[in-house]
Amino acid sequence: MTTTAPPRQTDRQEPRRIRQLTRSRTDRMIAGVCGGFAAYSGADVNLIRLAMIALTLCAGTGLVLYVCAWLILPEELY
């Protein structure tokens, strides 16, 4: 009976890529905030935009959140 040993794990493992919330350079209408949130969360950018519009029309907080994110979030590097 032959058995195979499990593959050895090496000391070197691929480094984890840290996701960072940034403003999008390619998927933008004004400043890329909604595109950045969509890329970070994996959601559709149009759903994020609709949510921001709904927040703006219902409570007025969407515009405040958008401007704050525009000022705080860095633009993506590449």
N, C-alpha and C. Protein backbone atom coordinates (compact mmCIF):
# COMPACT_ATOMS: atom_id res chain seq x y z
N MET A 1 0.83 -1.16 0.00
CA MET A 1 0.00 0.00 0.00
C MET A 1 0.89 1.25 0.00
N THR A 2 0.64 2.11 -0.95
CA THR A 2 1.44 3.33 -0.99
C THR A 2 0.57 4.51 -0.58
N THR A 3 1.17 5.36 0.18
CA THR A 3 0.46 6.58 0.59
C THR A 3 1.26 7.77 0.10
N THR A 4 0.57 8.78 -0.18
CA THR A 4 1.26 10.00 -0.61
C THR A 4 1.20 11.01 0.52
N ALA A 5 2.29 11.65 0.70
CA ALA A 5 2.37 12.66 1.75
C ALA A 5 1.70 13.94 1.26
N PRO A 6 1.10 14.68 2.18
CA PRO A 6 0.49 15.95 1.77
C PRO A 6 1.58 16.93 1.31
N PRO A 7 1.25 17.81 0.43
CA PRO A 7 2.25 18.76 -0.05
C PRO A 7 2.78 19.61 1.09
N ARG A 8 4.07 19.86 1.03
CA ARG A 8 4.70 20.67 2.07
C ARG A 8 4.35 22.13 1.88
N GLN A 9 4.15 22.80 3.00
CA GLN A 9 3.94 24.23 2.94
C GLN A 9 5.29 24.90 3.08
N THR A 10 5.54 25.84 2.24
CA THR A 10 6.80 26.55 2.31
C THR A 10 6.69 27.69 3.30
N ASP A 11 7.84 28.16 3.72
CA ASP A 11 7.86 29.29 4.65
C ASP A 11 7.38 30.57 3.97
N ARG A 12 7.61 30.63 2.69
CA ARG A 12 7.19 31.83 1.96
C ARG A 12 5.74 31.66 1.52
N GLN A 13 4.94 32.54 1.96
CA GLN A 13 3.56 32.56 1.50
C GLN A 13 3.32 33.87 0.78
N GLU A 14 2.40 33.84 -0.11
CA GLU A 14 2.10 35.04 -0.88
C GLU A 14 1.58 36.12 0.05
N PRO A 15 2.10 37.32 -0.04
CA PRO A 15 1.64 38.37 0.86
C PRO A 15 0.18 38.74 0.57
N ARG A 16 -0.54 39.03 1.62
CA ARG A 16 -1.93 39.42 1.47
C ARG A 16 -2.01 40.84 0.93
N ARG A 17 -2.92 41.04 0.06
CA ARG A 17 -3.13 42.37 -0.48
C ARG A 17 -4.19 43.07 0.36
N ILE A 18 -3.84 44.19 0.90
CA ILE A 18 -4.75 44.93 1.75
C ILE A 18 -5.63 45.81 0.87
N ARG A 19 -6.94 45.64 1.02
CA ARG A 19 -7.86 46.48 0.27
C ARG A 19 -7.99 47.81 0.97
N GLN A 20 -7.99 48.87 0.20
CA GLN A 20 -8.12 50.19 0.76
C GLN A 20 -9.27 50.90 0.04
N LEU A 21 -10.07 51.61 0.80
CA LEU A 21 -11.17 52.36 0.23
C LEU A 21 -10.61 53.63 -0.38
N THR A 22 -10.75 53.77 -1.68
CA THR A 22 -10.24 54.93 -2.40
C THR A 22 -11.31 55.43 -3.37
N ARG A 23 -11.10 56.64 -3.88
CA ARG A 23 -11.97 57.17 -4.92
C ARG A 23 -11.50 56.61 -6.26
N SER A 24 -12.44 56.26 -7.10
CA SER A 24 -12.12 55.66 -8.39
C SER A 24 -11.66 56.71 -9.38
N ARG A 25 -10.68 56.37 -10.19
CA ARG A 25 -10.24 57.26 -11.25
C ARG A 25 -10.97 56.99 -12.56
N THR A 26 -11.45 55.77 -12.73
CA THR A 26 -12.06 55.40 -14.00
C THR A 26 -13.58 55.41 -13.94
N ASP A 27 -14.17 55.01 -12.85
CA ASP A 27 -15.62 54.91 -12.73
C ASP A 27 -16.14 56.08 -11.90
N ARG A 28 -16.20 57.24 -12.53
CA ARG A 28 -16.61 58.44 -11.81
C ARG A 28 -17.57 59.25 -12.64
N MET A 29 -18.44 59.96 -11.92
CA MET A 29 -19.31 60.94 -12.55
C MET A 29 -18.93 62.33 -12.05
N ILE A 30 -18.65 62.43 -10.75
CA ILE A 30 -18.21 63.71 -10.17
C ILE A 30 -16.81 63.55 -9.59
N ALA A 31 -16.70 62.80 -8.51
CA ALA A 31 -15.40 62.67 -7.85
C ALA A 31 -14.94 61.23 -7.69
N GLY A 32 -15.74 60.25 -8.07
CA GLY A 32 -15.34 58.85 -7.97
C GLY A 32 -15.63 58.20 -6.64
N VAL A 33 -16.41 58.86 -5.78
CA VAL A 33 -16.71 58.30 -4.46
C VAL A 33 -17.57 57.05 -4.59
N CYS A 34 -18.64 57.11 -5.35
CA CYS A 34 -19.53 55.96 -5.51
C CYS A 34 -18.81 54.80 -6.22
N GLY A 35 -17.98 55.13 -7.20
CA GLY A 35 -17.20 54.09 -7.87
C GLY A 35 -16.21 53.42 -6.93
N GLY A 36 -15.62 54.19 -6.04
CA GLY A 36 -14.71 53.62 -5.05
C GLY A 36 -15.41 52.72 -4.06
N PHE A 37 -16.58 53.15 -3.58
CA PHE A 37 -17.36 52.31 -2.67
C PHE A 37 -17.81 51.02 -3.36
N ALA A 38 -18.19 51.13 -4.63
CA ALA A 38 -18.62 49.95 -5.37
C ALA A 38 -17.47 48.97 -5.56
N ALA A 39 -16.30 49.46 -5.90
CA ALA A 39 -15.14 48.59 -6.08
C ALA A 39 -14.74 47.93 -4.76
N TYR A 40 -14.83 48.66 -3.68
CA TYR A 40 -14.44 48.13 -2.37
C TYR A 40 -15.42 47.06 -1.89
N SER A 41 -16.72 47.31 -2.10
CA SER A 41 -17.72 46.40 -1.57
C SER A 41 -18.11 45.29 -2.55
N GLY A 42 -17.81 45.47 -3.83
CA GLY A 42 -18.18 44.48 -4.82
C GLY A 42 -19.60 44.64 -5.32
N ALA A 43 -20.23 45.75 -4.97
CA ALA A 43 -21.60 46.02 -5.40
C ALA A 43 -21.60 46.75 -6.74
N ASP A 44 -22.76 46.85 -7.34
CA ASP A 44 -22.91 47.58 -8.59
C ASP A 44 -22.86 49.08 -8.30
N VAL A 45 -22.12 49.80 -9.11
CA VAL A 45 -21.95 51.23 -8.87
C VAL A 45 -23.26 51.97 -9.00
N ASN A 46 -24.15 51.51 -9.86
CA ASN A 46 -25.44 52.19 -10.01
C ASN A 46 -26.30 52.06 -8.76
N LEU A 47 -26.20 50.95 -8.06
CA LEU A 47 -26.94 50.80 -6.80
C LEU A 47 -26.40 51.74 -5.74
N ILE A 48 -25.09 51.91 -5.71
CA ILE A 48 -24.49 52.85 -4.75
C ILE A 48 -24.94 54.27 -5.08
N ARG A 49 -24.96 54.61 -6.35
CA ARG A 49 -25.40 55.96 -6.75
C ARG A 49 -26.86 56.20 -6.40
N LEU A 50 -27.70 55.20 -6.64
CA LEU A 50 -29.11 55.34 -6.28
C LEU A 50 -29.30 55.50 -4.77
N ALA A 51 -28.52 54.79 -3.99
CA ALA A 51 -28.60 54.91 -2.54
C ALA A 51 -28.17 56.32 -2.09
N MET A 52 -27.14 56.85 -2.71
CA MET A 52 -26.70 58.21 -2.36
C MET A 52 -27.76 59.25 -2.75
N ILE A 53 -28.39 59.06 -3.89
CA ILE A 53 -29.46 59.98 -4.31
C ILE A 53 -30.65 59.88 -3.36
N ALA A 54 -31.00 58.66 -2.96
CA ALA A 54 -32.12 58.47 -2.02
C ALA A 54 -31.81 59.12 -0.68
N LEU A 55 -30.59 58.97 -0.20
CA LEU A 55 -30.20 59.61 1.07
C LEU A 55 -30.24 61.12 0.96
N THR A 56 -29.85 61.63 -0.19
CA THR A 56 -29.87 63.08 -0.39
C THR A 56 -31.30 63.61 -0.43
N LEU A 57 -32.18 62.93 -1.13
CA LEU A 57 -33.56 63.40 -1.26
C LEU A 57 -34.37 63.20 0.01
N CYS A 58 -34.14 62.12 0.74
CA CYS A 58 -34.93 61.83 1.93
C CYS A 58 -34.48 62.62 3.16
N ALA A 59 -33.22 62.58 3.44
CA ALA A 59 -32.76 63.18 4.68
C ALA A 59 -31.72 64.28 4.46
N GLY A 60 -31.20 64.38 3.28
CA GLY A 60 -30.18 65.39 3.02
C GLY A 60 -28.79 64.97 3.46
N THR A 61 -28.67 63.80 4.05
CA THR A 61 -27.37 63.35 4.54
C THR A 61 -26.49 62.79 3.43
N GLY A 62 -27.08 62.39 2.32
CA GLY A 62 -26.29 61.83 1.22
C GLY A 62 -25.29 62.82 0.68
N LEU A 63 -25.69 64.05 0.52
CA LEU A 63 -24.79 65.08 0.00
C LEU A 63 -23.66 65.36 1.00
N VAL A 64 -24.00 65.41 2.27
CA VAL A 64 -22.97 65.64 3.30
C VAL A 64 -21.98 64.49 3.33
N LEU A 65 -22.48 63.25 3.27
CA LEU A 65 -21.60 62.08 3.26
C LEU A 65 -20.71 62.06 2.03
N TYR A 66 -21.28 62.43 0.88
CA TYR A 66 -20.51 62.44 -0.37
C TYR A 66 -19.37 63.45 -0.30
N VAL A 67 -19.67 64.66 0.17
CA VAL A 67 -18.63 65.69 0.25
C VAL A 67 -17.56 65.29 1.26
N CYS A 68 -17.97 64.72 2.39
CA CYS A 68 -16.98 64.27 3.39
C CYS A 68 -16.08 63.18 2.81
N ALA A 69 -16.68 62.22 2.10
CA ALA A 69 -15.89 61.15 1.49
C ALA A 69 -14.97 61.70 0.41
N TRP A 70 -15.43 62.70 -0.33
CA TRP A 70 -14.63 63.34 -1.36
C TRP A 70 -13.38 63.98 -0.75
N LEU A 71 -13.54 64.59 0.41
CA LEU A 71 -12.41 65.25 1.07
C LEU A 71 -11.48 64.28 1.79
N ILE A 72 -12.03 63.20 2.32
CA ILE A 72 -11.24 62.28 3.15
C ILE A 72 -10.56 61.18 2.35
N LEU A 73 -11.29 60.58 1.40
CA LEU A 73 -10.75 59.41 0.68
C LEU A 73 -9.68 59.82 -0.32
N PRO A 74 -8.57 59.09 -0.35
CA PRO A 74 -7.55 59.37 -1.36
C PRO A 74 -7.97 58.81 -2.71
N GLU A 75 -7.44 59.37 -3.77
CA GLU A 75 -7.71 58.86 -5.09
C GLU A 75 -6.82 57.64 -5.32
N GLU A 76 -7.37 56.64 -6.06
CA GLU A 76 -6.58 55.44 -6.28
C GLU A 76 -5.33 55.78 -7.09
N LEU A 77 -4.28 55.03 -6.87
CA LEU A 77 -2.97 55.34 -7.44
C LEU A 77 -2.81 54.90 -8.87
N TYR A 78 -3.47 53.88 -9.29
CA TYR A 78 -3.27 53.35 -10.62
C TYR A 78 -4.56 53.17 -11.35
